[in-house]
PDB file of N, CA and C in Angstrom:
ATOM      1  N   MET A   1       0.837  -1.181   0.000  1.00  0.00           N
ATOM      2  CA  MET A   1       0.000   0.000   0.000  1.00  0.00           C
ATOM      3  C   MET A   1       0.884   1.248   0.000  1.00  0.00           C
ATOM      4  N   THR A   2       0.408   2.231  -0.708  1.00  0.00           N
ATOM      5  CA  THR A   2       1.163   3.485  -0.760  1.00  0.00           C
ATOM      6  C   THR A   2       0.796   4.341   0.443  1.00  0.00           C
ATOM      7  N   GLN A   3       1.607   5.343   0.679  1.00  0.00           N
ATOM      8  CA  GLN A   3       1.404   6.237   1.821  1.00  0.00           C
ATOM      9  C   GLN A   3       0.030   6.922   1.773  1.00  0.00           C
ATOM     10  N   PRO A   4      -0.417   7.463   0.649  1.00  0.00           N
ATOM     11  CA  PRO A   4      -1.756   8.071   0.604  1.00  0.00           C
ATOM     12  C   PRO A   4      -2.869   7.069   0.887  1.00  0.00           C
ATOM     13  N   GLU A   5      -2.718   5.838   0.433  1.00  0.00           N
ATOM     14  CA  GLU A   5      -3.742   4.815   0.695  1.00  0.00           C
ATOM     15  C   GLU A   5      -3.812   4.498   2.187  1.00  0.00           C
ATOM     16  N   ILE A   6      -2.657   4.435   2.835  1.00  0.00           N
ATOM     17  CA  ILE A   6      -2.610   4.165   4.279  1.00  0.00           C
ATOM     18  C   ILE A   6      -3.284   5.300   5.038  1.00  0.00           C
ATOM     19  N   GLN A   7      -2.973   6.526   4.640  1.00  0.00           N
ATOM     20  CA  GLN A   7      -3.587   7.681   5.300  1.00  0.00           C
ATOM     21  C   GLN A   7      -5.095   7.695   5.070  1.00  0.00           C
ATOM     22  N   LEU A   8      -5.500   7.383   3.871  1.00  0.00           N
ATOM     23  CA  LEU A   8      -6.931   7.340   3.562  1.00  0.00           C
ATOM     24  C   LEU A   8      -7.635   6.273   4.395  1.00  0.00           C
ATOM     25  N   LYS A   9      -7.012   5.132   4.568  1.00  0.00           N
ATOM     26  CA  LYS A   9      -7.588   4.062   5.378  1.00  0.00           C
ATOM     27  C   LYS A   9      -7.718   4.500   6.834  1.00  0.00           C
ATOM     28  N   ARG A  10      -6.700   5.191   7.361  1.00  0.00           N
ATOM     29  CA  ARG A  10      -6.766   5.697   8.752  1.00  0.00           C
ATOM     30  C   ARG A  10      -7.907   6.698   8.915  1.00  0.00           C
ATOM     31  N   VAL A  11      -8.021   7.596   7.938  1.00  0.00           N
ATOM     32  CA  VAL A  11      -9.097   8.590   7.989  1.00  0.00           C
ATOM     33  C   VAL A  11     -10.452   7.879   7.963  1.00  0.00           C
ATOM     34  N   HIS A  12     -10.580   6.889   7.127  1.00  0.00           N
ATOM     35  CA  HIS A  12     -11.825   6.126   7.033  1.00  0.00           C
ATOM     36  C   HIS A  12     -12.147   5.444   8.364  1.00  0.00           C
ATOM     37  N   GLU A  13     -11.170   4.834   8.995  1.00  0.00           N
ATOM     38  CA  GLU A  13     -11.377   4.168  10.291  1.00  0.00           C
ATOM     39  C   GLU A  13     -11.783   5.165  11.367  1.00  0.00           C
ATOM     40  N   LYS A  14     -11.147   6.344  11.339  1.00  0.00           N
ATOM     41  CA  LYS A  14     -11.492   7.370  12.326  1.00  0.00           C
ATOM     42  C   LYS A  14     -12.908   7.892  12.111  1.00  0.00           C
ATOM     43  N   ILE A  15     -13.298   8.020  10.864  1.00  0.00           N
ATOM     44  CA  ILE A  15     -14.663   8.465  10.566  1.00  0.00           C
ATOM     45  C   ILE A  15     -15.666   7.429  11.064  1.00  0.00           C
ATOM     46  N   LEU A  16     -15.383   6.154  10.841  1.00  0.00           N
ATOM     47  CA  LEU A  16     -16.281   5.097  11.326  1.00  0.00           C
ATOM     48  C   LEU A  16     -16.381   5.123  12.842  1.00  0.00           C
ATOM     49  N   LEU A  17     -15.246   5.349  13.512  1.00  0.00           N
ATOM     50  CA  LEU A  17     -15.255   5.436  14.973  1.00  0.00           C
ATOM     51  C   LEU A  17     -16.086   6.623  15.440  1.00  0.00           C
ATOM     52  N   LEU A  18     -15.933   7.761  14.774  1.00  0.00           N
ATOM     53  CA  LEU A  18     -16.722   8.941  15.121  1.00  0.00           C
ATOM     54  C   LEU A  18     -18.212   8.700  14.910  1.00  0.00           C
ATOM     55  N   LEU A  19     -18.565   8.002  13.861  1.00  0.00           N
ATOM     56  CA  LEU A  19     -19.979   7.696  13.607  1.00  0.00           C
ATOM     57  C   LEU A  19     -20.555   6.812  14.712  1.00  0.00           C
ATOM     58  N   LYS A  20     -19.790   5.821  15.150  1.00  0.00           N
ATOM     59  CA  LYS A  20     -20.244   4.958  16.243  1.00  0.00           C
ATOM     60  C   LYS A  20     -20.422   5.764  17.529  1.00  0.00           C
ATOM     61  N   GLN A  21     -19.464   6.634  17.810  1.00  0.00           N
ATOM     62  CA  GLN A  21     -19.561   7.465  19.003  1.00  0.00           C
ATOM     63  C   GLN A  21     -20.761   8.399  18.920  1.00  0.00           C
ATOM     64  N   HIS A  22     -20.993   8.945  17.736  1.00  0.00           N
ATOM     65  CA  HIS A  22     -22.136   9.837  17.529  1.00  0.00           C
ATOM     66  C   HIS A  22     -23.455   9.098  17.782  1.00  0.00           C
ATOM     67  N   GLN A  23     -23.561   7.881  17.269  1.00  0.00           N
ATOM     68  CA  GLN A  23     -24.776   7.088  17.476  1.00  0.00           C
ATOM     69  C   GLN A  23     -24.977   6.769  18.954  1.00  0.00           C
ATOM     70  N   ALA A  24     -23.896   6.438  19.657  1.00  0.00           N
ATOM     71  CA  ALA A  24     -23.996   6.139  21.086  1.00  0.00           C
ATOM     72  C   ALA A  24     -24.445   7.376  21.851  1.00  0.00           C
ATOM     73  N   LEU A  25     -23.921   8.538  21.488  1.00  0.00           N
ATOM     74  CA  LEU A  25     -24.315   9.779  22.162  1.00  0.00           C
ATOM     75  C   LEU A  25     -25.769  10.144  21.855  1.00  0.00           C
ATOM     76  N   GLN A  26     -26.209   9.867  20.650  1.00  0.00           N
ATOM     77  CA  GLN A  26     -27.615  10.116  20.323  1.00  0.00           C
ATOM     78  C   GLN A  26     -28.537   9.235  21.154  1.00  0.00           C
ATOM     79  N   LYS A  27     -28.173   7.967  21.322  1.00  0.00           N
ATOM     80  CA  LYS A  27     -28.968   7.066  22.156  1.00  0.00           C
ATOM     81  C   LYS A  27     -29.011   7.562  23.595  1.00  0.00           C
ATOM     82  N   GLU A  28     -27.844   7.927  24.110  1.00  0.00           N
ATOM     83  CA  GLU A  28     -27.781   8.424  25.487  1.00  0.00           C
ATOM     84  C   GLU A  28     -28.623   9.686  25.639  1.00  0.00           C
ATOM     85  N   ASN A  29     -28.566  10.553  24.642  1.00  0.00           N
ATOM     86  CA  ASN A  29     -29.347  11.784  24.678  1.00  0.00           C
ATOM     87  C   ASN A  29     -30.837  11.481  24.733  1.00  0.00           C
ATOM     88  N   GLU A  30     -31.295  10.529  23.948  1.00  0.00           N
ATOM     89  CA  GLU A  30     -32.709  10.145  23.960  1.00  0.00           C
ATOM     90  C   GLU A  30     -33.112   9.583  25.324  1.00  0.00           C
ATOM     91  N   HIS A  31     -32.242   8.770  25.904  1.00  0.00           N
ATOM     92  CA  HIS A  31     -32.535   8.208  27.233  1.00  0.00           C
ATOM     93  C   HIS A  31     -32.645   9.331  28.256  1.00  0.00           C
ATOM     94  N   LEU A  32     -31.740  10.292  28.180  1.00  0.00           N
ATOM     95  CA  LEU A  32     -31.765  11.409  29.128  1.00  0.00           C
ATOM     96  C   LEU A  32     -33.008  12.270  28.931  1.00  0.00           C
ATOM     97  N   LYS A  33     -33.407  12.470  27.697  1.00  0.00           N
ATOM     98  CA  LYS A  33     -34.629  13.228  27.437  1.00  0.00           C
ATOM     99  C   LYS A  33     -35.844  12.516  28.014  1.00  0.00           C
ATOM    100  N   GLU A  34     -35.869  11.193  27.878  1.00  0.00           N
ATOM    101  CA  GLU A  34     -36.979  10.416  28.439  1.00  0.00           C
ATOM    102  C   GLU A  34     -36.980  10.521  29.961  1.00  0.00           C
ATOM    103  N   ASP A  35     -35.803  10.470  30.569  1.00  0.00           N
ATOM    104  CA  ASP A  35     -35.705  10.632  32.021  1.00  0.00           C
ATOM    105  C   ASP A  35     -36.231  11.996  32.456  1.00  0.00           C
ATOM    106  N   ILE A  36     -35.913  13.021  31.689  1.00  0.00           N
ATOM    107  CA  ILE A  36     -36.389  14.376  32.003  1.00  0.00           C
ATOM    108  C   ILE A  36     -37.906  14.422  31.915  1.00  0.00           C
ATOM    109  N   ARG A  37     -38.469  13.814  30.863  1.00  0.00           N
ATOM    110  CA  ARG A  37     -39.938  13.799  30.725  1.00  0.00           C
ATOM    111  C   ARG A  37     -40.592  13.101  31.919  1.00  0.00           C
ATOM    112  N   LYS A  38     -40.009  11.977  32.328  1.00  0.00           N
ATOM    113  CA  LYS A  38     -40.563  11.254  33.478  1.00  0.00           C
ATOM    114  C   LYS A  38     -40.464  12.080  34.750  1.00  0.00           C
ATOM    115  N   MET A  39     -39.325  12.732  34.948  1.00  0.00           N
ATOM    116  CA  MET A  39     -39.145  13.543  36.154  1.00  0.00           C
ATOM    117  C   MET A  39     -40.090  14.745  36.154  1.00  0.00           C
ATOM    118  N   GLN A  40     -40.319  15.336  34.987  1.00  0.00           N
ATOM    119  CA  GLN A  40     -41.247  16.455  34.906  1.00  0.00           C
ATOM    120  C   GLN A  40     -42.664  16.003  35.244  1.00  0.00           C
ATOM    121  N   ALA A  41     -43.045  14.848  34.743  1.00  0.00           N
ATOM    122  CA  ALA A  41     -44.381  14.325  35.046  1.00  0.00           C
ATOM    123  C   ALA A  41     -44.504  14.048  36.540  1.00  0.00           C
ATOM    124  N   LYS A  42     -43.461  13.456  37.114  1.00  0.00           N
ATOM    125  CA  LYS A  42     -43.475  13.181  38.551  1.00  0.00           C
ATOM    126  C   LYS A  42     -43.519  14.488  39.347  1.00  0.00           C
ATOM    127  N   GLY A  43     -42.781  15.478  38.888  1.00  0.00           N
ATOM    128  CA  GLY A  43     -42.783  16.781  39.555  1.00  0.00           C
ATOM    129  C   GLY A  43     -44.155  17.423  39.523  1.00  0.00           C
ATOM    130  N   GLU A  44     -44.844  17.293  38.393  1.00  0.00           N
ATOM    131  CA  GLU A  44     -46.195  17.848  38.293  1.00  0.00           C
ATOM    132  C   GLU A  44     -47.142  17.150  39.262  1.00  0.00           C
ATOM    133  N   ILE A  45     -47.016  15.836  39.360  1.00  0.00           N
ATOM    134  CA  ILE A  45     -47.860  15.086  40.300  1.00  0.00           C
ATOM    135  C   ILE A  45     -47.565  15.524  41.727  1.00  0.00           C
ATOM    136  N   LEU A  46     -46.284  15.647  42.052  1.00  0.00           N
ATOM    137  CA  LEU A  46     -45.911  16.061  43.403  1.00  0.00           C
ATOM    138  C   LEU A  46     -46.380  17.482  43.702  1.00  0.00           C
ATOM    139  N   THR A  47     -46.345  18.340  42.710  1.00  0.00           N
ATOM    140  CA  THR A  47     -46.815  19.716  42.901  1.00  0.00           C
ATOM    141  C   THR A  47     -48.311  19.726  43.195  1.00  0.00           C
ATOM    142  N   ARG A  48     -49.060  18.910  42.447  1.00  0.00           N
ATOM    143  CA  ARG A  48     -50.510  18.821  42.711  1.00  0.00           C
ATOM    144  C   ARG A  48     -50.770  18.267  44.106  1.00  0.00           C
ATOM    145  N   ASP A  49     -49.988  17.237  44.485  1.00  0.00           N
ATOM    146  CA  ASP A  49     -50.150  16.667  45.823  1.00  0.00           C
ATOM    147  C   ASP A  49     -49.836  17.700  46.896  1.00  0.00           C
ATOM    148  N   ALA A  50     -48.788  18.468  46.674  1.00  0.00           N
ATOM    149  CA  ALA A  50     -48.413  19.495  47.649  1.00  0.00           C
ATOM    150  C   ALA A  50     -49.527  20.519  47.806  1.00  0.00           C
ATOM    151  N   GLU A  51     -50.099  20.918  46.692  1.00  0.00           N
ATOM    152  CA  GLU A  51     -51.194  21.883  46.755  1.00  0.00           C
ATOM    153  C   GLU A  51     -52.389  21.286  47.496  1.00  0.00           C
ATOM    154  N   LYS A  52     -52.647  20.015  47.246  1.00  0.00           N
ATOM    155  CA  LYS A  52     -53.752  19.344  47.935  1.00  0.00           C
ATOM    156  C   LYS A  52     -53.489  19.303  49.440  1.00  0.00           C
ATOM    157  N   PHE A  53     -52.250  18.985  49.830  1.00  0.00           N
ATOM    158  CA  PHE A  53     -51.910  18.929  51.252  1.00  0.00           C
ATOM    159  C   PHE A  53     -51.960  20.310  51.897  1.00  0.00           C
ATOM    160  N   ARG A  54     -51.526  21.314  51.160  1.00  0.00           N
ATOM    161  CA  ARG A  54     -51.614  22.685  51.700  1.00  0.00           C
ATOM    162  C   ARG A  54     -53.073  23.064  51.934  1.00  0.00           C
ATOM    163  N   HIS A  55     -53.906  22.684  50.982  1.00  0.00           N
ATOM    164  CA  HIS A  55     -55.332  22.978  51.121  1.00  0.00           C
ATOM    165  C   HIS A  55     -55.913  22.243  52.335  1.00  0.00           C
ATOM    166  N   GLN A  56     -55.552  20.976  52.476  1.00  0.00           N
ATOM    167  CA  GLN A  56     -56.032  20.212  53.625  1.00  0.00           C
ATOM    168  C   GLN A  56     -55.546  20.816  54.936  1.00  0.00           C
ATOM    169  N   ALA A  57     -54.307  21.267  54.948  1.00  0.00           N
ATOM    170  CA  ALA A  57     -53.768  21.893  56.163  1.00  0.00           C
ATOM    171  C   ALA A  57     -54.534  23.168  56.489  1.00  0.00           C
ATOM    172  N   ASP A  58     -54.846  23.952  55.464  1.00  0.00           N
ATOM    173  CA  ASP A  58     -55.623  25.183  55.685  1.00  0.00           C
ATOM    174  C   ASP A  58     -57.005  24.863  56.222  1.00  0.00           C
ATOM    175  N   VAL A  59     -57.611  23.828  55.661  1.00  0.00           N
ATOM    176  CA  VAL A  59     -58.949  23.437  56.125  1.00  0.00           C
ATOM    177  C   VAL A  59     -58.886  23.009  57.587  1.00  0.00           C
ATOM    178  N   LEU A  60     -57.876  22.229  57.937  1.00  0.00           N
ATOM    179  CA  LEU A  60     -57.751  21.784  59.325  1.00  0.00           C
ATOM    180  C   LEU A  60     -57.512  22.955  60.282  1.00  0.00           C
ATOM    181  N   LYS A  61     -56.743  23.914  59.849  1.00  0.00           N
ATOM    182  CA  LYS A  61     -56.474  25.078  60.696  1.00  0.00           C
ATOM    183  C   LYS A  61     -57.752  25.880  60.940  1.00  0.00           C
ATOM    184  N   LEU A  62     -58.598  25.932  59.899  1.00  0.00           N
ATOM    185  CA  LEU A  62     -59.817  26.732  59.996  1.00  0.00           C
ATOM    186  C   LEU A  62     -60.988  25.968  60.605  1.00  0.00           C
ATOM    187  N   SER A  63     -60.868  24.668  60.698  1.00  0.00           N
ATOM    188  CA  SER A  63     -62.008  23.898  61.200  1.00  0.00           C
ATOM    189  C   SER A  63     -62.165  24.093  62.711  1.00  0.00           C
ATOM    190  N   ASP A  64     -63.375  23.976  63.156  1.00  0.00           N
ATOM    191  CA  ASP A  64     -63.670  24.143  64.581  1.00  0.00           C
ATOM    192  C   ASP A  64     -63.170  22.959  65.402  1.00  0.00           C
ATOM    193  N   ARG A  65     -63.236  21.768  64.829  1.00  0.00           N
ATOM    194  CA  ARG A  65     -62.887  20.603  65.621  1.00  0.00           C
ATOM    195  C   ARG A  65     -61.395  20.510  65.875  1.00  0.00           C
ATOM    196  N   GLY A  66     -60.570  20.879  64.912  1.00  0.00           N
ATOM    197  CA  GLY A  66     -59.123  20.877  65.088  1.00  0.00           C
ATOM    198  C   GLY A  66     -58.580  19.500  65.428  1.00  0.00           C
ATOM    199  N   LEU A  67     -57.328  19.452  65.765  1.00  0.00           N
ATOM    200  CA  LEU A  67     -56.677  18.209  66.145  1.00  0.00           C
ATOM    201  C   LEU A  67     -56.049  18.378  67.519  1.00  0.00           C
ATOM    202  N   GLU A  68     -55.837  17.254  68.167  1.00  0.00           N
ATOM    203  CA  GLU A  68     -55.108  17.306  69.429  1.00  0.00           C
ATOM    204  C   GLU A  68     -53.646  17.589  69.122  1.00  0.00           C
ATOM    205  N   ASP A  69     -52.926  18.123  70.103  1.00  0.00           N
ATOM    206  CA  ASP A  69     -51.550  18.553  69.884  1.00  0.00           C
ATOM    207  C   ASP A  69     -50.645  17.493  69.245  1.00  0.00           C
ATOM    208  N   PRO A  70     -50.576  16.265  69.768  1.00  0.00           N
ATOM    209  CA  PRO A  70     -49.669  15.282  69.144  1.00  0.00           C
ATOM    210  C   PRO A  70     -50.031  14.985  67.688  1.00  0.00           C
ATOM    211  N   ASP A  71     -51.325  14.864  67.416  1.00  0.00           N
ATOM    212  CA  ASP A  71     -51.766  14.603  66.051  1.00  0.00           C
ATOM    213  C   ASP A  71     -51.460  15.784  65.133  1.00  0.00           C
ATOM    214  N   LYS A  72     -51.677  16.955  65.653  1.00  0.00           N
ATOM    215  CA  LYS A  72     -51.435  18.158  64.874  1.00  0.00           C
ATOM    216  C   LYS A  72     -49.950  18.287  64.533  1.00  0.00           C
ATOM    217  N   LYS A  73     -49.090  18.037  65.505  1.00  0.00           N
ATOM    218  CA  LYS A  73     -47.648  18.126  65.266  1.00  0.00           C
ATOM    219  C   LYS A  73     -47.194  17.076  64.258  1.00  0.00           C
ATOM    220  N   MET A  74     -47.737  15.868  64.366  1.00  0.00           N
ATOM    221  CA  MET A  74     -47.372  14.805  63.441  1.00  0.00           C
ATOM    222  C   MET A  74     -47.812  15.160  62.017  1.00  0.00           C
ATOM    223  N   LEU A  75     -49.012  15.698  61.873  1.00  0.00           N
ATOM    224  CA  LEU A  75     -49.521  16.104  60.571  1.00  0.00           C
ATOM    225  C   LEU A  75     -48.667  17.222  59.982  1.00  0.00           C
ATOM    226  N   GLU A  76     -48.337  18.205  60.789  1.00  0.00           N
ATOM    227  CA  GLU A  76     -47.503  19.309  60.316  1.00  0.00           C
ATOM    228  C   GLU A  76     -46.123  18.804  59.891  1.00  0.00           C
ATOM    229  N   LYS A  77     -45.571  17.870  60.656  1.00  0.00           N
ATOM    230  CA  LYS A  77     -44.268  17.307  60.322  1.00  0.00           C
ATOM    231  C   LYS A  77     -44.335  16.566  58.984  1.00  0.00           C
ATOM    232  N   ARG A  78     -45.370  15.760  58.810  1.00  0.00           N
ATOM    233  CA  ARG A  78     -45.532  15.007  57.572  1.00  0.00           C
ATOM    234  C   ARG A  78     -45.735  15.944  56.376  1.00  0.00           C
ATOM    235  N   LEU A  79     -46.567  16.969  56.560  1.00  0.00           N
ATOM    236  CA  LEU A  79     -46.792  17.922  55.481  1.00  0.00           C
ATOM    237  C   LEU A  79     -45.509  18.670  55.131  1.00  0.00           C
ATOM    238  N   SER A  80     -44.749  19.037  56.134  1.00  0.00           N
ATOM    239  CA  SER A  80     -43.475  19.720  55.882  1.00  0.00           C
ATOM    240  C   SER A  80     -42.520  18.824  55.111  1.00  0.00           C
ATOM    241  N   GLN A  81     -42.508  17.549  55.458  1.00  0.00           N
ATOM    242  CA  GLN A  81     -41.650  16.600  54.752  1.00  0.00           C
ATOM    243  C   GLN A  81     -42.076  16.483  53.288  1.00  0.00           C
ATOM    244  N   TYR A  82     -43.374  16.408  53.031  1.00  0.00           N
ATOM    245  CA  TYR A  82     -43.859  16.345  51.658  1.00  0.00           C
ATOM    246  C   TYR A  82     -43.462  17.603  50.876  1.00  0.00           C
ATOM    247  N   VAL A  83     -43.624  18.733  51.498  1.00  0.00           N
ATOM    248  CA  VAL A  83     -43.283  19.992  50.830  1.00  0.00           C
ATOM    249  C   VAL A  83     -41.795  20.039  50.517  1.00  0.00           C
ATOM    250  N   ARG A  84     -40.946  19.582  51.433  1.00  0.00           N
ATOM    251  CA  ARG A  84     -39.494  19.563  51.177  1.00  0.00           C
ATOM    252  C   ARG A  84     -39.168  18.641  50.013  1.00  0.00           C
ATOM    253  N   GLU A  85     -39.782  17.472  49.974  1.00  0.00           N
ATOM    254  CA  GLU A  85     -39.540  16.535  48.875  1.00  0.00           C
ATOM    255  C   GLU A  85     -39.969  17.134  47.542  1.00  0.00           C
ATOM    256  N   ILE A  86     -41.098  17.781  47.538  1.00  0.00           N
ATOM    257  CA  ILE A  86     -41.598  18.405  46.318  1.00  0.00           C
ATOM    258  C   ILE A  86     -40.675  19.539  45.886  1.00  0.00           C
ATOM    259  N   ASP A  87     -40.232  20.342  46.835  1.00  0.00           N
ATOM    260  CA  ASP A  87     -39.303  21.425  46.513  1.00  0.00           C
ATOM    261  C   ASP A  87     -38.005  20.882  45.928  1.00  0.00           C
ATOM    262  N   LYS A  88     -37.508  19.753  46.450  1.00  0.00           N
ATOM    263  CA  LYS A  88     -36.292  19.138  45.905  1.00  0.00           C
ATOM    264  C   LYS A  88     -36.522  18.696  44.461  1.00  0.00           C
ATOM    265  N   CYS A  89     -37.667  18.070  44.203  1.00  0.00           N
ATOM    266  CA  CYS A  89     -37.977  17.619  42.849  1.00  0.00           C
ATOM    267  C   CYS A  89     -38.081  18.794  41.888  1.00  0.00           C
ATOM    268  N   ILE A  90     -38.719  19.853  42.328  1.00  0.00           N
ATOM    269  CA  ILE A  90     -38.841  21.042  41.487  1.00  0.00           C
ATOM    270  C   ILE A  90     -37.466  21.627  41.203  1.00  0.00           C
ATOM    271  N   ALA A  91     -36.611  21.668  42.216  1.00  0.00           N
ATOM    272  CA  ALA A  91     -35.248  22.190  42.028  1.00  0.00           C
ATOM    273  C   ALA A  91     -34.481  21.337  41.034  1.00  0.00           C
ATOM    274  N   LEU A  92     -34.632  20.017  41.116  1.00  0.00           N
ATOM    275  CA  LEU A  92     -33.950  19.127  40.173  1.00  0.00           C
ATOM    276  C   LEU A  92     -34.444  19.339  38.751  1.00  0.00           C
ATOM    277  N   LEU A  93     -35.728  19.595  38.618  1.00  0.00           N
ATOM    278  CA  LEU A  93     -36.281  19.789  37.282  1.00  0.00           C
ATOM    279  C   LEU A  93     -35.817  21.110  36.670  1.00  0.00           C
ATOM    280  N   GLN A  94     -35.513  22.079  37.506  1.00  0.00           N
ATOM    281  CA  GLN A  94     -35.103  23.382  37.002  1.00  0.00           C
ATOM    282  C   GLN A  94     -33.636  23.431  36.644  1.00  0.00           C
ATOM    283  N   GLU A  95     -32.858  22.395  36.986  1.00  0.00           N
ATOM    284  CA  GLU A  95     -31.439  22.370  36.647  1.00  0.00           C
ATOM    285  C   GLU A  95     -31.227  22.104  35.187  1.00  0.00           C
TER     286      GLU A  95
END
């Protein structure tokens, strides 16, 4: 083989390698896009749940019957935990 043929063969091999890498990156990109779609859907569900819990908390605060102290503290703790989880998910989606 002559020197130009050898160089041409190397260029051809490098192009094939680049094409394989490009295809792998395209696949990875599609997987990441799907993950983002799933996380956005989950974030929307969590946001709706958070709003529902906030509404329930407001109703409980305004209701005449109320809750006893231990129950009230446990409910507030649980609601706060839900809100923190939802805020984390929203923050992740905004990155």
